[in-house]
Amino acid sequence: MRCIAISLVAITWLAGCITTANYETMLKTWVGRSEDELVQVWGPPSSFIKAPARNTLPTPGVGRVE
């Protein structure tokens, strides 16, 4: 029983790593694209954060992701 539990934890952990890698790869495709394009595909940001340079940055919303 313990072996099964450890196997499930390992599989879940590995699946999380794979998903994170795919997500990071997808995010990199947006580098250099306009904010308007991003909003058109992902939806409007849910909020904004204040960056150290005193500009604001959008935070992802729960919009649609394609």
N, C-alpha and C. Protein backbone atom coordinates (compact mmCIF):
# COMPACT_ATOMS: atom_id res chain seq x y z
N MET A 1 0.82 -1.20 0.00
CA MET A 1 0.00 0.00 0.00
C MET A 1 0.87 1.26 0.00
N ARG A 2 1.93 1.23 0.79
CA ARG A 2 2.83 2.39 0.85
C ARG A 2 3.50 2.64 -0.50
N CYS A 3 3.85 1.58 -1.19
CA CYS A 3 4.49 1.70 -2.50
C CYS A 3 3.54 2.36 -3.50
N ILE A 4 2.26 2.01 -3.44
CA ILE A 4 1.27 2.62 -4.33
C ILE A 4 1.14 4.11 -4.05
N ALA A 5 1.11 4.47 -2.77
CA ALA A 5 0.99 5.88 -2.39
C ALA A 5 2.19 6.67 -2.89
N ILE A 6 3.38 6.12 -2.72
CA ILE A 6 4.60 6.80 -3.17
C ILE A 6 4.59 6.93 -4.69
N SER A 7 4.13 5.89 -5.39
CA SER A 7 4.05 5.94 -6.85
C SER A 7 3.08 7.02 -7.31
N LEU A 8 1.94 7.13 -6.66
CA LEU A 8 0.96 8.16 -7.03
C LEU A 8 1.51 9.56 -6.80
N VAL A 9 2.21 9.75 -5.71
CA VAL A 9 2.82 11.05 -5.44
C VAL A 9 3.87 11.37 -6.51
N ALA A 10 4.68 10.40 -6.86
CA ALA A 10 5.71 10.61 -7.88
C ALA A 10 5.10 10.94 -9.24
N ILE A 11 4.06 10.22 -9.61
CA ILE A 11 3.40 10.47 -10.90
C ILE A 11 2.78 11.86 -10.92
N THR A 12 2.12 12.23 -9.83
CA THR A 12 1.51 13.56 -9.74
C THR A 12 2.58 14.64 -9.84
N TRP A 13 3.69 14.46 -9.16
CA TRP A 13 4.78 15.43 -9.18
C TRP A 13 5.35 15.56 -10.59
N LEU A 14 5.57 14.44 -11.26
CA LEU A 14 6.11 14.48 -12.62
C LEU A 14 5.12 15.13 -13.59
N ALA A 15 3.86 14.85 -13.44
CA ALA A 15 2.85 15.46 -14.32
C ALA A 15 2.84 16.98 -14.11
N GLY A 16 3.01 17.42 -12.89
CA GLY A 16 3.08 18.86 -12.61
C GLY A 16 4.28 19.50 -13.29
N CYS A 17 5.39 18.84 -13.29
CA CYS A 17 6.59 19.37 -13.95
C CYS A 17 6.38 19.47 -15.46
N ILE A 18 5.80 18.46 -16.03
CA ILE A 18 5.56 18.47 -17.48
C ILE A 18 4.60 19.59 -17.84
N THR A 19 3.55 19.75 -17.06
CA THR A 19 2.57 20.80 -17.32
C THR A 19 3.23 22.17 -17.19
N THR A 20 4.05 22.37 -16.18
CA THR A 20 4.74 23.64 -15.99
C THR A 20 5.65 23.94 -17.18
N ALA A 21 6.35 22.94 -17.66
CA ALA A 21 7.25 23.15 -18.81
C ALA A 21 6.45 23.57 -20.05
N ASN A 22 5.33 22.91 -20.28
CA ASN A 22 4.49 23.27 -21.43
C ASN A 22 3.93 24.68 -21.28
N TYR A 23 3.52 25.03 -20.07
CA TYR A 23 2.98 26.36 -19.81
C TYR A 23 4.03 27.43 -20.03
N GLU A 24 5.25 27.19 -19.54
CA GLU A 24 6.35 28.14 -19.74
C GLU A 24 6.66 28.31 -21.22
N THR A 25 6.64 27.23 -21.97
CA THR A 25 6.89 27.29 -23.41
C THR A 25 5.82 28.12 -24.10
N MET A 26 4.57 27.91 -23.71
CA MET A 26 3.47 28.66 -24.30
C MET A 26 3.59 30.15 -23.95
N LEU A 27 3.97 30.46 -22.73
CA LEU A 27 4.11 31.86 -22.33
C LEU A 27 5.20 32.57 -23.14
N LYS A 28 6.27 31.87 -23.43
CA LYS A 28 7.37 32.47 -24.18
C LYS A 28 6.95 32.90 -25.58
N THR A 29 5.89 32.32 -26.12
CA THR A 29 5.42 32.72 -27.44
C THR A 29 4.82 34.12 -27.43
N TRP A 30 4.53 34.64 -26.25
CA TRP A 30 3.93 35.98 -26.14
C TRP A 30 4.97 37.08 -26.00
N VAL A 31 6.21 36.74 -25.81
CA VAL A 31 7.25 37.76 -25.66
C VAL A 31 7.34 38.58 -26.94
N GLY A 32 7.27 39.90 -26.79
CA GLY A 32 7.37 40.80 -27.94
C GLY A 32 6.05 41.10 -28.61
N ARG A 33 4.97 40.45 -28.20
CA ARG A 33 3.66 40.71 -28.80
C ARG A 33 2.96 41.82 -28.03
N SER A 34 1.96 42.39 -28.62
CA SER A 34 1.31 43.54 -27.99
C SER A 34 0.34 43.12 -26.88
N GLU A 35 0.11 44.06 -25.98
CA GLU A 35 -0.85 43.82 -24.90
C GLU A 35 -2.26 43.62 -25.47
N ASP A 36 -2.56 44.32 -26.56
CA ASP A 36 -3.88 44.17 -27.20
C ASP A 36 -4.10 42.74 -27.69
N GLU A 37 -3.06 42.14 -28.29
CA GLU A 37 -3.18 40.76 -28.76
C GLU A 37 -3.41 39.81 -27.59
N LEU A 38 -2.68 40.04 -26.51
CA LEU A 38 -2.80 39.20 -25.32
C LEU A 38 -4.21 39.27 -24.75
N VAL A 39 -4.75 40.48 -24.62
CA VAL A 39 -6.09 40.66 -24.08
C VAL A 39 -7.13 40.04 -25.00
N GLN A 40 -6.90 40.12 -26.31
CA GLN A 40 -7.85 39.54 -27.27
C GLN A 40 -7.96 38.02 -27.09
N VAL A 41 -6.84 37.36 -26.80
CA VAL A 41 -6.84 35.90 -26.67
C VAL A 41 -7.14 35.44 -25.25
N TRP A 42 -6.51 36.07 -24.23
CA TRP A 42 -6.63 35.61 -22.85
C TRP A 42 -7.75 36.30 -22.09
N GLY A 43 -8.25 37.39 -22.62
CA GLY A 43 -9.26 38.15 -21.88
C GLY A 43 -8.59 39.25 -21.07
N PRO A 44 -9.38 40.15 -20.49
CA PRO A 44 -8.80 41.26 -19.75
C PRO A 44 -8.15 40.80 -18.45
N PRO A 45 -7.16 41.56 -17.96
CA PRO A 45 -6.51 41.19 -16.71
C PRO A 45 -7.47 41.32 -15.53
N SER A 46 -7.24 40.51 -14.51
CA SER A 46 -8.10 40.56 -13.33
C SER A 46 -7.70 41.71 -12.41
N SER A 47 -6.42 42.11 -12.50
CA SER A 47 -5.94 43.23 -11.68
C SER A 47 -4.59 43.69 -12.23
N PHE A 48 -4.03 44.71 -11.60
CA PHE A 48 -2.72 45.23 -11.98
C PHE A 48 -1.84 45.29 -10.74
N ILE A 49 -0.53 45.13 -10.94
CA ILE A 49 0.42 45.28 -9.84
C ILE A 49 1.34 46.44 -10.16
N LYS A 50 1.87 47.08 -9.14
CA LYS A 50 2.78 48.20 -9.31
C LYS A 50 4.21 47.66 -9.34
N ALA A 51 4.91 47.93 -10.42
CA ALA A 51 6.28 47.47 -10.59
C ALA A 51 7.25 48.48 -9.95
N PRO A 52 8.48 48.05 -9.66
CA PRO A 52 9.45 48.95 -9.04
C PRO A 52 9.71 50.23 -9.84
N ALA A 53 9.58 50.16 -11.16
CA ALA A 53 9.83 51.33 -12.00
C ALA A 53 8.61 52.26 -12.04
N ARG A 54 7.64 52.02 -11.16
CA ARG A 54 6.43 52.82 -11.01
C ARG A 54 5.46 52.70 -12.19
N ASN A 55 5.63 51.67 -12.98
CA ASN A 55 4.63 51.40 -14.01
C ASN A 55 3.74 50.25 -13.52
N THR A 56 2.63 50.04 -14.16
CA THR A 56 1.75 48.97 -13.74
C THR A 56 1.81 47.81 -14.72
N LEU A 57 1.64 46.63 -14.20
CA LEU A 57 1.67 45.42 -15.00
C LEU A 57 0.37 44.66 -14.79
N PRO A 58 -0.24 44.18 -15.87
CA PRO A 58 -1.47 43.40 -15.71
C PRO A 58 -1.17 42.03 -15.13
N THR A 59 -2.07 41.52 -14.33
CA THR A 59 -1.96 40.15 -13.84
C THR A 59 -3.00 39.32 -14.58
N PRO A 60 -2.72 38.06 -14.82
CA PRO A 60 -3.64 37.25 -15.63
C PRO A 60 -5.03 37.16 -15.01
N GLY A 61 -6.01 37.19 -15.88
CA GLY A 61 -7.38 37.01 -15.43
C GLY A 61 -7.80 35.56 -15.60
N VAL A 62 -9.02 35.32 -15.39
CA VAL A 62 -9.55 33.98 -15.56
C VAL A 62 -10.23 33.89 -16.92
N GLY A 63 -9.70 34.66 -17.86
CA GLY A 63 -10.27 34.70 -19.20
C GLY A 63 -10.03 33.41 -19.94
N ARG A 64 -10.26 33.44 -21.20
CA ARG A 64 -10.10 32.23 -22.00
C ARG A 64 -8.66 32.07 -22.45
N VAL A 65 -8.17 30.87 -22.46
CA VAL A 65 -6.82 30.57 -22.93
C VAL A 65 -6.95 29.56 -24.05
N GLU A 66 -6.37 29.87 -25.20
CA GLU A 66 -6.46 28.97 -26.35
C GLU A 66 -5.15 28.30 -26.61
